[in-house]
C-alpha atoms as a PDB file:
ATOM      1  CA  UNK A   1      11.110   2.947   2.277  1.00  0.00           C
ATOM      2  CA  UNK A   2       9.837   0.567  -0.364  1.00  0.00           C
ATOM      3  CA  UNK A   3       6.654   1.484  -2.216  1.00  0.00           C
ATOM      4  CA  UNK A   4       4.992  -1.654  -3.566  1.00  0.00           C
ATOM      5  CA  UNK A   5       1.534  -0.169  -4.075  1.00  0.00           C
ATOM      6  CA  UNK A   6      -0.159  -1.434  -7.206  1.00  0.00           C
ATOM      7  CA  UNK A   7       1.885  -4.650  -7.220  1.00  0.00           C
ATOM      8  CA  UNK A   8       0.568  -8.103  -6.428  1.00  0.00           C
ATOM      9  CA  UNK A   9       2.459 -11.031  -4.984  1.00  0.00           C
ATOM     10  CA  UNK A  10       5.092 -12.144  -5.413  1.00  0.00           C
ATOM     11  CA  UNK A  11       6.558  -8.761  -6.503  1.00  0.00           C
ATOM     12  CA  UNK A  12       6.338  -6.959  -3.110  1.00  0.00           C
ATOM     13  CA  UNK A  13       8.004  -9.892  -1.348  1.00  0.00           C
ATOM     14  CA  UNK A  14      10.731 -10.058  -3.985  1.00  0.00           C
ATOM     15  CA  UNK A  15      11.384  -6.334  -3.507  1.00  0.00           C
ATOM     16  CA  UNK A  16      11.783  -6.842   0.243  1.00  0.00           C
ATOM     17  CA  UNK A  17      14.014  -9.893  -0.254  1.00  0.00           C
ATOM     18  CA  UNK A  18      16.248  -7.933  -2.627  1.00  0.00           C
ATOM     19  CA  UNK A  19      16.564  -5.003  -0.203  1.00  0.00           C
ATOM     20  CA  UNK A  20      17.312  -7.268   2.776  1.00  0.00           C
ATOM     21  CA  UNK A  21      19.940  -9.179   0.779  1.00  0.00           C
ATOM     22  CA  UNK A  22      21.509  -5.971  -0.569  1.00  0.00           C
ATOM     23  CA  UNK A  23      21.782  -3.868   2.576  1.00  0.00           C
ATOM     24  CA  UNK A  24      20.536  -5.912   5.565  1.00  0.00           C
ATOM     25  CA  UNK A  25      18.753  -2.874   7.056  1.00  0.00           C
ATOM     26  CA  UNK A  26      17.983  -2.754  10.771  1.00  0.00           C
ATOM     27  CA  UNK A  27      14.712  -0.996   9.890  1.00  0.00           C
ATOM     28  CA  UNK A  28      12.668  -1.035   6.715  1.00  0.00           C
ATOM     29  CA  UNK A  29       9.262   0.425   5.857  1.00  0.00           C
ATOM     30  CA  UNK A  30       7.159  -1.126   3.111  1.00  0.00           C
ATOM     31  CA  UNK A  31       3.884   0.263   1.741  1.00  0.00           C
ATOM     32  CA  UNK A  32       1.529  -2.165  -0.017  1.00  0.00           C
ATOM     33  CA  UNK A  33      -2.113  -2.261  -1.038  1.00  0.00           C
ATOM     34  CA  UNK A  34      -2.412  -6.041  -1.367  1.00  0.00           C
ATOM     35  CA  UNK A  35      -3.489  -7.961   1.748  1.00  0.00           C
ATOM     36  CA  UNK A  36      -1.762 -11.121   0.501  1.00  0.00           C
ATOM     37  CA  UNK A  37       1.519  -9.163   0.329  1.00  0.00           C
ATOM     38  CA  UNK A  38       1.108  -8.178   3.989  1.00  0.00           C
ATOM     39  CA  UNK A  39       0.958 -11.832   5.010  1.00  0.00           C
ATOM     40  CA  UNK A  40       3.800 -12.941   2.760  1.00  0.00           C
ATOM     41  CA  UNK A  41       6.151 -10.074   3.659  1.00  0.00           C
ATOM     42  CA  UNK A  42       5.446 -10.659   7.347  1.00  0.00           C
ATOM     43  CA  UNK A  43       6.247 -14.355   6.985  1.00  0.00           C
ATOM     44  CA  UNK A  44       9.490 -13.613   5.120  1.00  0.00           C
ATOM     45  CA  UNK A  45      10.535 -10.889   7.572  1.00  0.00           C
ATOM     46  CA  UNK A  46      10.025 -13.181  10.562  1.00  0.00           C
ATOM     47  CA  UNK A  47      12.186 -15.826   8.864  1.00  0.00           C
ATOM     48  CA  UNK A  48      14.946 -13.206   8.627  1.00  0.00           C
ATOM     49  CA  UNK A  49      14.702 -12.196  12.284  1.00  0.00           C
ATOM     50  CA  UNK A  50      12.617  -9.025  11.903  1.00  0.00           C
ATOM     51  CA  UNK A  51       9.744  -7.928  14.113  1.00  0.00           C
ATOM     52  CA  UNK A  52       6.856  -6.619  12.025  1.00  0.00           C
ATOM     53  CA  UNK A  53       4.314  -3.930  12.852  1.00  0.00           C
ATOM     54  CA  UNK A  54       1.438  -3.387  10.410  1.00  0.00           C
ATOM     55  CA  UNK A  55      -0.518  -0.144  10.193  1.00  0.00           C
ATOM     56  CA  UNK A  56      -3.640  -0.040   8.027  1.00  0.00           C
ATOM     57  CA  UNK A  57      -4.930   3.119   6.367  1.00  0.00           C
ATOM     58  CA  UNK A  58      -7.934   2.256   4.244  1.00  0.00           C
ATOM     59  CA  UNK A  59      -6.693  -0.077   1.513  1.00  0.00           C
ATOM     60  CA  UNK A  60      -3.028   0.670   2.175  1.00  0.00           C
ATOM     61  CA  UNK A  61      -0.784  -1.048   4.679  1.00  0.00           C
ATOM     62  CA  UNK A  62       2.537   0.108   6.051  1.00  0.00           C
ATOM     63  CA  UNK A  63       4.787  -2.631   7.375  1.00  0.00           C
ATOM     64  CA  UNK A  64       7.577  -1.592   9.727  1.00  0.00           C
ATOM     65  CA  UNK A  65      10.327  -4.211   9.886  1.00  0.00           C
ATOM     66  CA  UNK A  66      12.802  -3.907  12.769  1.00  0.00           C
ATOM     67  CA  UNK A  67      15.647  -6.055  14.023  1.00  0.00           C
END
């Protein structure tokens, strides 16, 4: 799981890109508190062939990426 709370774009997306490049996980959870990061991570994940599920809990979002 990647915890990108407190970070603004592009840092959360760069963290996801680095993890995908390093280990090509079949599943990855990412926690963010920046709505822009939700959109950008989702866009990147789709470009890499992942399905994305977003769960909101107040100001925090958990993105579940699955291949």
